[in-house]
């Protein structure tokens, strides 16, 4: 029986195979600092299978470098509303049922939610 808190390569592989290209590229570039090294290998192998090599990965990393907000640990800040890397930040409201403002909080925004 596998450790419930350890790395499960089969679970990661299934997740990676069902992910879209943009998600995989973001995981291997913007979120690389917080991604398990074994998962990085699986993601890179899947990208190679989908005909995305080091040049395409590097091009994606370069496209993120100027806009994305990177935190102290080297990982990109994640949008507060989706999984995309954040490009803007600021104070906003935590909303109950997406309508009722409850309390102010610091938020990160991707290009779609800015």
Protein backbone atom coordinates (compact mmCIF):
# COMPACT_ATOMS: atom_id res chain seq x y z
CA UNK A 1 0.00 0.00 0.00
CA UNK A 2 1.33 3.42 -0.99
CA UNK A 3 1.98 6.11 1.57
CA UNK A 4 -1.07 8.45 1.50
CA UNK A 5 1.20 11.46 2.03
CA UNK A 6 4.02 10.40 -0.28
CA UNK A 7 4.56 10.87 -3.98
CA UNK A 8 2.16 8.78 -6.05
CA UNK A 9 3.57 8.62 -9.57
CA UNK A 10 0.51 6.87 -11.01
CA UNK A 11 -1.82 9.55 -9.69
CA UNK A 12 0.46 12.30 -11.00
CA UNK A 13 0.71 10.58 -14.38
CA UNK A 14 -3.07 10.31 -14.68
CA UNK A 15 -3.45 13.97 -13.73
CA UNK A 16 -0.78 15.09 -16.19
CA UNK A 17 -2.27 13.08 -19.06
CA UNK A 18 -5.66 14.74 -18.54
CA UNK A 19 -4.22 18.29 -18.28
CA UNK A 20 -4.13 20.74 -21.17
CA UNK A 21 -0.91 22.11 -22.63
CA UNK A 22 -1.13 25.55 -20.97
CA UNK A 23 -1.57 23.96 -17.55
CA UNK A 24 1.43 21.68 -18.09
CA UNK A 25 3.58 24.54 -19.35
CA UNK A 26 2.63 26.65 -16.33
CA UNK A 27 3.42 23.80 -13.93
CA UNK A 28 6.85 23.24 -15.44
CA UNK A 29 7.74 26.95 -15.61
CA UNK A 30 5.80 29.31 -13.33
CA UNK A 31 5.08 26.78 -10.56
CA UNK A 32 8.30 24.77 -10.90
CA UNK A 33 9.73 25.94 -7.55
CA UNK A 34 6.88 24.25 -5.65
CA UNK A 35 6.54 21.17 -7.86
CA UNK A 36 8.06 17.85 -6.85
CA UNK A 37 11.13 17.01 -9.00
CA UNK A 38 9.62 13.62 -9.87
CA UNK A 39 6.45 15.36 -11.06
CA UNK A 40 8.56 17.73 -13.19
CA UNK A 41 10.08 14.72 -14.96
CA UNK A 42 6.61 13.27 -15.63
CA UNK A 43 5.32 16.62 -16.92
CA UNK A 44 8.33 17.14 -19.18
CA UNK A 45 7.94 13.61 -20.57
CA UNK A 46 4.26 14.28 -21.30
CA UNK A 47 5.15 17.55 -23.01
CA UNK A 48 7.70 15.71 -25.17
CA UNK A 49 5.00 13.17 -26.07
CA UNK A 50 2.81 16.09 -27.18
CA UNK A 51 5.73 17.45 -29.21
CA UNK A 52 6.63 20.32 -26.88
CA UNK A 53 10.37 20.34 -26.30
CA UNK A 54 12.80 22.50 -24.34
CA UNK A 55 12.53 25.34 -26.86
CA UNK A 56 8.77 25.64 -26.41
CA UNK A 57 9.09 25.37 -22.62
CA UNK A 58 11.72 28.11 -22.60
CA UNK A 59 9.60 30.31 -24.87
CA UNK A 60 6.68 29.94 -22.46
CA UNK A 61 8.93 30.79 -19.51
CA UNK A 62 10.14 33.91 -21.32
CA UNK A 63 6.58 34.98 -22.10
CA UNK A 64 5.73 34.77 -18.39
CA UNK A 65 8.88 36.46 -17.09
CA UNK A 66 7.88 40.05 -17.75
CA UNK A 67 4.24 39.92 -16.60
CA UNK A 68 3.86 37.29 -13.90
CA UNK A 69 4.30 38.08 -10.21
CA UNK A 70 6.90 35.80 -8.67
CA UNK A 71 6.99 35.29 -4.90
CA UNK A 72 10.09 35.10 -2.70
CA UNK A 73 10.42 31.33 -3.14
CA UNK A 74 10.67 31.70 -6.93
CA UNK A 75 7.18 30.39 -7.60
CA UNK A 76 4.57 32.43 -9.45
CA UNK A 77 1.65 33.79 -7.47
CA UNK A 78 -1.54 31.98 -8.43
CA UNK A 79 -4.70 33.87 -9.37
CA UNK A 80 -7.19 33.98 -6.50
CA UNK A 81 -9.97 32.91 -8.88
CA UNK A 82 -8.36 30.24 -11.10
CA UNK A 83 -5.09 28.31 -11.54
CA UNK A 84 -3.36 30.71 -13.92
CA UNK A 85 -0.27 32.70 -12.88
CA UNK A 86 -1.06 36.14 -11.47
CA UNK A 87 -0.12 39.33 -13.30
CA UNK A 88 -1.71 41.86 -10.91
CA UNK A 89 -2.33 42.11 -7.19
CA UNK A 90 -4.23 44.28 -4.79
CA UNK A 91 -6.86 44.54 -2.11
CA UNK A 92 -10.34 43.27 -2.77
CA UNK A 93 -13.26 41.75 -0.93
CA UNK A 94 -13.78 38.21 0.20
CA UNK A 95 -17.36 37.62 -0.88
CA UNK A 96 -19.89 35.25 0.59
CA UNK A 97 -21.71 33.38 -2.18
CA UNK A 98 -19.76 35.57 -4.66
CA UNK A 99 -22.04 38.50 -3.80
CA UNK A 100 -21.93 39.71 -0.23
CA UNK A 101 -18.63 41.42 0.71
CA UNK A 102 -17.53 40.08 4.09
CA UNK A 103 -13.98 41.28 4.71
CA UNK A 104 -11.11 42.80 2.75
CA UNK A 105 -8.28 40.53 1.63
CA UNK A 106 -5.25 40.66 -0.62
CA UNK A 107 -5.93 39.10 -4.03
CA UNK A 108 -3.94 38.01 -7.06
CA UNK A 109 -5.35 38.35 -10.57
CA UNK A 110 -4.49 36.56 -13.83
CA UNK A 111 -4.94 38.29 -17.20
CA UNK A 112 -8.52 36.98 -17.40
CA UNK A 113 -9.60 38.17 -13.94
CA UNK A 114 -7.70 41.47 -13.80
